[in-house]
Amino acid sequence: MADAQHLAIRPMTAGDAAAVLAIYQAGLDAGDASFEVTAPSWEAFDAARLPAHRLVAVDAGGTVLGWVAVSPVSTRQVYAGVVEHSVYVDAAARGRGAGRALLDALIHSTEAAGIWTIQSGVFPENAASRALHRAAGFREVGIRERIGRHAGHGNQWRDVIFVERRSPIVR
């Protein structure tokens, strides 16, 4: 499998749909990535995410190793520079730099577009995601206790750690 020196980051296209949704579903199936239990259709995925900030990591053969995408947090103008992101990496590619490369590219992409805050929620048990986000300059703002019931975990209440990265460039 590719490492950070042997992967490329490029814009996500509709041709990546099957790979992106398969990686997404595998992350959901693992249980500590999202409250969602089923990946959406490509049409729903496409409609909910900003086209300019959807990226995939691919190996030298063009295989999609992971993806990152953002959604606006609000339609209110005051929050125009705030997005919520998701980042997923294929299990076979984890620990090889794809997640960090995706977040770095996302940071560059969003800052170039004038976006000042990238945020997300991470389950406390997802140590790898927490470490990845810290390494990419995100801070853990706080814990949203018992914020939702997780159908994939027996409908249990789960906490979410709210993470954000405030751009030092966009003012």
C-alpha atoms as a PDB file:
ATOM      1  CA  MET A   1       0.000   0.000   0.000  1.00  0.00           C
ATOM      2  CA  ALA A   2       1.153   3.547  -0.656  1.00  0.00           C
ATOM      3  CA  ASP A   3       2.863   5.775   1.878  1.00  0.00           C
ATOM      4  CA  ALA A   4       2.871   9.581   1.930  1.00  0.00           C
ATOM      5  CA  GLN A   5       5.717   9.702  -0.595  1.00  0.00           C
ATOM      6  CA  HIS A   6       3.773   7.575  -3.072  1.00  0.00           C
ATOM      7  CA  LEU A   7       0.372   9.168  -3.005  1.00  0.00           C
ATOM      8  CA  ALA A   8      -1.224  12.133  -4.658  1.00  0.00           C
ATOM      9  CA  ILE A   9      -4.071  14.379  -3.604  1.00  0.00           C
ATOM     10  CA  ARG A  10      -6.520  15.421  -6.292  1.00  0.00           C
ATOM     11  CA  PRO A  11     -10.078  16.737  -6.555  1.00  0.00           C
ATOM     12  CA  MET A  12     -12.808  14.167  -5.997  1.00  0.00           C
ATOM     13  CA  THR A  13     -14.926  13.413  -9.068  1.00  0.00           C
ATOM     14  CA  ALA A  14     -18.112  11.475  -9.695  1.00  0.00           C
ATOM     15  CA  GLY A  15     -15.862   8.705 -11.023  1.00  0.00           C
ATOM     16  CA  ASP A  16     -14.601   8.240  -7.453  1.00  0.00           C
ATOM     17  CA  ALA A  17     -18.108   7.675  -6.093  1.00  0.00           C
ATOM     18  CA  ALA A  18     -17.939   3.905  -5.608  1.00  0.00           C
ATOM     19  CA  ALA A  19     -14.542   4.008  -3.876  1.00  0.00           C
ATOM     20  CA  VAL A  20     -15.424   7.019  -1.723  1.00  0.00           C
ATOM     21  CA  LEU A  21     -18.712   5.517  -0.569  1.00  0.00           C
ATOM     22  CA  ALA A  22     -17.096   2.109   0.075  1.00  0.00           C
ATOM     23  CA  ILE A  23     -14.416   3.726   2.272  1.00  0.00           C
ATOM     24  CA  TYR A  24     -17.128   5.729   4.006  1.00  0.00           C
ATOM     25  CA  GLN A  25     -19.247   2.624   4.656  1.00  0.00           C
ATOM     26  CA  ALA A  26     -16.246   0.690   5.997  1.00  0.00           C
ATOM     27  CA  GLY A  27     -15.572   3.545   8.425  1.00  0.00           C
ATOM     28  CA  LEU A  28     -19.201   3.550   9.517  1.00  0.00           C
ATOM     29  CA  ASP A  29     -19.166  -0.217   9.954  1.00  0.00           C
ATOM     30  CA  ALA A  30     -16.159   0.062  12.294  1.00  0.00           C
ATOM     31  CA  GLY A  31     -18.420   1.995  14.682  1.00  0.00           C
ATOM     32  CA  ASP A  32     -16.306   4.923  15.884  1.00  0.00           C
ATOM     33  CA  ALA A  33     -16.425   7.266  12.894  1.00  0.00           C
ATOM     34  CA  SER A  34     -19.947   8.694  12.823  1.00  0.00           C
ATOM     35  CA  PHE A  35     -23.476   8.424  14.154  1.00  0.00           C
ATOM     36  CA  GLU A  36     -24.462   7.429  10.615  1.00  0.00           C
ATOM     37  CA  VAL A  37     -24.752   3.706   9.944  1.00  0.00           C
ATOM     38  CA  THR A  38     -25.235   3.754   6.173  1.00  0.00           C
ATOM     39  CA  ALA A  39     -23.337   5.805   3.618  1.00  0.00           C
ATOM     40  CA  PRO A  40     -25.627   8.022   1.555  1.00  0.00           C
ATOM     41  CA  SER A  41     -26.235   7.718  -2.145  1.00  0.00           C
ATOM     42  CA  TRP A  42     -23.730   9.551  -4.327  1.00  0.00           C
ATOM     43  CA  GLU A  43     -26.418  12.097  -5.176  1.00  0.00           C
ATOM     44  CA  ALA A  44     -26.996  12.906  -1.493  1.00  0.00           C
ATOM     45  CA  PHE A  45     -23.252  12.948  -0.758  1.00  0.00           C
ATOM     46  CA  ASP A  46     -22.632  15.263  -3.704  1.00  0.00           C
ATOM     47  CA  ALA A  47     -25.464  17.644  -2.798  1.00  0.00           C
ATOM     48  CA  ALA A  48     -24.369  18.028   0.843  1.00  0.00           C
ATOM     49  CA  ARG A  49     -20.687  18.862   0.287  1.00  0.00           C
ATOM     50  CA  LEU A  50     -18.949  21.879  -1.192  1.00  0.00           C
ATOM     51  CA  PRO A  51     -17.502  20.894  -4.593  1.00  0.00           C
ATOM     52  CA  ALA A  52     -14.342  23.010  -4.257  1.00  0.00           C
ATOM     53  CA  HIS A  53     -13.203  21.208  -1.115  1.00  0.00           C
ATOM     54  CA  ARG A  54     -13.662  17.512  -1.885  1.00  0.00           C
ATOM     55  CA  LEU A  55     -10.374  15.695  -2.264  1.00  0.00           C
ATOM     56  CA  VAL A  56      -9.126  12.136  -2.586  1.00  0.00           C
ATOM     57  CA  ALA A  57      -5.765  10.549  -1.859  1.00  0.00           C
ATOM     58  CA  VAL A  58      -4.716   8.088  -4.565  1.00  0.00           C
ATOM     59  CA  ASP A  59      -1.782   5.747  -4.946  1.00  0.00           C
ATOM     60  CA  ALA A  60       0.446   5.554  -8.032  1.00  0.00           C
ATOM     61  CA  GLY A  61      -2.077   3.233  -9.706  1.00  0.00           C
ATOM     62  CA  GLY A  62      -4.962   5.634  -9.105  1.00  0.00           C
ATOM     63  CA  THR A  63      -6.623   3.622  -6.331  1.00  0.00           C
ATOM     64  CA  VAL A  64      -8.510   5.858  -3.913  1.00  0.00           C
ATOM     65  CA  LEU A  65      -6.989   5.509  -0.431  1.00  0.00           C
ATOM     66  CA  GLY A  66      -9.086   8.088   1.374  1.00  0.00           C
ATOM     67  CA  TRP A  67     -11.110  11.245   1.064  1.00  0.00           C
ATOM     68  CA  VAL A  68     -11.919  14.526   2.767  1.00  0.00           C
ATOM     69  CA  ALA A  69     -14.887  16.820   2.174  1.00  0.00           C
ATOM     70  CA  VAL A  70     -16.625  19.760   3.823  1.00  0.00           C
ATOM     71  CA  SER A  71     -20.165  20.993   4.302  1.00  0.00           C
ATOM     72  CA  PRO A  72     -21.247  24.479   5.276  1.00  0.00           C
ATOM     73  CA  VAL A  73     -22.287  24.739   8.936  1.00  0.00           C
ATOM     74  CA  SER A  74     -24.943  27.360   8.236  1.00  0.00           C
ATOM     75  CA  THR A  75     -26.549  29.364   5.472  1.00  0.00           C
ATOM     76  CA  ARG A  76     -26.168  32.520   7.571  1.00  0.00           C
ATOM     77  CA  GLN A  77     -23.602  34.922   6.099  1.00  0.00           C
ATOM     78  CA  VAL A  78     -21.821  35.359   9.439  1.00  0.00           C
ATOM     79  CA  TYR A  79     -20.767  31.690   9.232  1.00  0.00           C
ATOM     80  CA  ALA A  80     -19.737  31.734   5.562  1.00  0.00           C
ATOM     81  CA  GLY A  81     -16.145  30.965   6.554  1.00  0.00           C
ATOM     82  CA  VAL A  82     -16.960  27.997   8.776  1.00  0.00           C
ATOM     83  CA  VAL A  83     -17.193  24.430   7.459  1.00  0.00           C
ATOM     84  CA  GLU A  84     -17.568  20.983   8.960  1.00  0.00           C
ATOM     85  CA  HIS A  85     -15.326  18.300   7.544  1.00  0.00           C
ATOM     86  CA  SER A  86     -15.139  14.533   7.316  1.00  0.00           C
ATOM     87  CA  VAL A  87     -11.995  12.568   6.571  1.00  0.00           C
ATOM     88  CA  TYR A  88     -11.932   8.821   5.943  1.00  0.00           C
ATOM     89  CA  VAL A  89      -9.009   6.553   5.034  1.00  0.00           C
ATOM     90  CA  ASP A  90      -9.221   2.978   3.794  1.00  0.00           C
ATOM     91  CA  ALA A  91      -8.233   0.578   6.590  1.00  0.00           C
ATOM     92  CA  ALA A  92      -5.364  -0.840   4.507  1.00  0.00           C
ATOM     93  CA  ALA A  93      -3.878   2.656   4.022  1.00  0.00           C
ATOM     94  CA  ARG A  94      -4.077   3.914   7.613  1.00  0.00           C
ATOM     95  CA  GLY A  95      -0.907   5.052   9.321  1.00  0.00           C
ATOM     96  CA  ARG A  96       0.833   5.841   6.036  1.00  0.00           C
ATOM     97  CA  GLY A  97       0.192   9.560   5.725  1.00  0.00           C
ATOM     98  CA  ALA A  98      -2.968   9.682   3.615  1.00  0.00           C
ATOM     99  CA  GLY A  99      -5.089  11.249   6.350  1.00  0.00           C
ATOM    100  CA  ARG A 100      -2.520  13.926   7.103  1.00  0.00           C
ATOM    101  CA  ALA A 101      -1.984  14.673   3.409  1.00  0.00           C
ATOM    102  CA  LEU A 102      -5.749  15.032   2.954  1.00  0.00           C
ATOM    103  CA  LEU A 103      -6.115  17.389   5.919  1.00  0.00           C
ATOM    104  CA  ASP A 104      -3.120  19.466   4.807  1.00  0.00           C
ATOM    105  CA  ALA A 105      -4.599  19.788   1.313  1.00  0.00           C
ATOM    106  CA  LEU A 106      -7.997  20.666   2.771  1.00  0.00           C
ATOM    107  CA  ILE A 107      -6.462  23.370   4.945  1.00  0.00           C
ATOM    108  CA  HIS A 108      -4.727  24.846   1.905  1.00  0.00           C
ATOM    109  CA  SER A 109      -7.905  24.656  -0.183  1.00  0.00           C
ATOM    110  CA  THR A 110     -10.154  26.240   2.426  1.00  0.00           C
ATOM    111  CA  GLU A 111      -7.717  28.989   3.364  1.00  0.00           C
ATOM    112  CA  ALA A 112      -7.305  29.907  -0.310  1.00  0.00           C
ATOM    113  CA  ALA A 113     -11.100  30.285  -0.434  1.00  0.00           C
ATOM    114  CA  GLY A 114     -11.243  32.519   2.661  1.00  0.00           C
ATOM    115  CA  ILE A 115     -12.591  29.887   5.037  1.00  0.00           C
ATOM    116  CA  TRP A 116     -11.400  30.635   8.555  1.00  0.00           C
ATOM    117  CA  THR A 117     -12.620  27.647  10.590  1.00  0.00           C
ATOM    118  CA  ILE A 118     -12.761  23.920   9.908  1.00  0.00           C
ATOM    119  CA  GLN A 119     -14.603  21.935  12.545  1.00  0.00           C
ATOM    120  CA  SER A 120     -15.827  18.431  13.229  1.00  0.00           C
ATOM    121  CA  GLY A 121     -16.874  16.005  15.921  1.00  0.00           C
ATOM    122  CA  VAL A 122     -14.814  12.960  16.896  1.00  0.00           C
ATOM    123  CA  PHE A 123     -15.842  10.142  19.205  1.00  0.00           C
ATOM    124  CA  PRO A 124     -13.544  10.080  22.272  1.00  0.00           C
ATOM    125  CA  GLU A 125     -12.695   6.430  21.547  1.00  0.00           C
ATOM    126  CA  ASN A 126     -11.334   7.278  18.086  1.00  0.00           C
ATOM    127  CA  ALA A 127      -7.737   7.814  19.233  1.00  0.00           C
ATOM    128  CA  ALA A 128      -6.305   7.699  15.706  1.00  0.00           C
ATOM    129  CA  SER A 129      -8.588  10.474  14.464  1.00  0.00           C
ATOM    130  CA  ARG A 130      -7.884  12.598  17.530  1.00  0.00           C
ATOM    131  CA  ALA A 131      -4.122  12.224  17.021  1.00  0.00           C
ATOM    132  CA  LEU A 132      -4.418  12.991  13.300  1.00  0.00           C
ATOM    133  CA  HIS A 133      -6.379  16.153  13.980  1.00  0.00           C
ATOM    134  CA  ARG A 134      -3.961  17.341  16.676  1.00  0.00           C
ATOM    135  CA  ALA A 135      -1.033  16.758  14.292  1.00  0.00           C
ATOM    136  CA  ALA A 136      -2.799  18.849  11.620  1.00  0.00           C
ATOM    137  CA  GLY A 137      -3.283  21.790  13.986  1.00  0.00           C
ATOM    138  CA  PHE A 138      -6.800  21.151  15.255  1.00  0.00           C
ATOM    139  CA  ARG A 139      -7.629  21.718  18.900  1.00  0.00           C
ATOM    140  CA  GLU A 140     -10.123  19.884  21.036  1.00  0.00           C
ATOM    141  CA  VAL A 141     -12.576  22.580  22.095  1.00  0.00           C
ATOM    142  CA  GLY A 142     -14.725  20.485  24.403  1.00  0.00           C
ATOM    143  CA  ILE A 143     -16.886  17.440  24.879  1.00  0.00           C
ATOM    144  CA  ARG A 144     -20.497  17.424  23.809  1.00  0.00           C
ATOM    145  CA  GLU A 145     -21.779  14.916  26.352  1.00  0.00           C
ATOM    146  CA  ARG A 146     -24.436  12.412  25.329  1.00  0.00           C
ATOM    147  CA  ILE A 147     -25.090  14.465  22.192  1.00  0.00           C
ATOM    148  CA  GLY A 148     -26.746  11.664  20.266  1.00  0.00           C
ATOM    149  CA  ARG A 149     -27.845   8.059  20.289  1.00  0.00           C
ATOM    150  CA  HIS A 150     -25.782   5.763  18.095  1.00  0.00           C
ATOM    151  CA  ALA A 151     -27.912   3.150  16.357  1.00  0.00           C
ATOM    152  CA  GLY A 152     -24.741   1.261  15.409  1.00  0.00           C
ATOM    153  CA  HIS A 153     -23.922   0.887  19.116  1.00  0.00           C
ATOM    154  CA  GLY A 154     -27.209  -0.428  20.461  1.00  0.00           C
ATOM    155  CA  ASN A 155     -28.796   3.018  20.466  1.00  0.00           C
ATOM    156  CA  GLN A 156     -26.393   4.122  23.221  1.00  0.00           C
ATOM    157  CA  TRP A 157     -25.815   7.764  24.052  1.00  0.00           C
ATOM    158  CA  ARG A 158     -22.369   8.876  22.881  1.00  0.00           C
ATOM    159  CA  ASP A 159     -20.148  11.819  23.589  1.00  0.00           C
ATOM    160  CA  VAL A 160     -18.435  13.745  20.805  1.00  0.00           C
ATOM    161  CA  ILE A 161     -15.277  15.805  21.090  1.00  0.00           C
ATOM    162  CA  PHE A 162     -15.673  19.034  19.179  1.00  0.00           C
ATOM    163  CA  VAL A 163     -12.479  19.824  17.210  1.00  0.00           C
ATOM    164  CA  GLU A 164     -11.644  22.910  15.211  1.00  0.00           C
ATOM    165  CA  ARG A 165      -8.829  24.552  13.343  1.00  0.00           C
ATOM    166  CA  ARG A 166      -8.866  28.315  13.110  1.00  0.00           C
ATOM    167  CA  SER A 167      -6.783  29.623  10.230  1.00  0.00           C
ATOM    168  CA  PRO A 168      -3.894  31.869  11.202  1.00  0.00           C
ATOM    169  CA  ILE A 169      -3.964  33.255   7.636  1.00  0.00           C
ATOM    170  CA  VAL A 170      -7.618  34.115   7.024  1.00  0.00           C
ATOM    171  CA  ARG A 171      -8.565  37.145   9.080  1.00  0.00           C
END
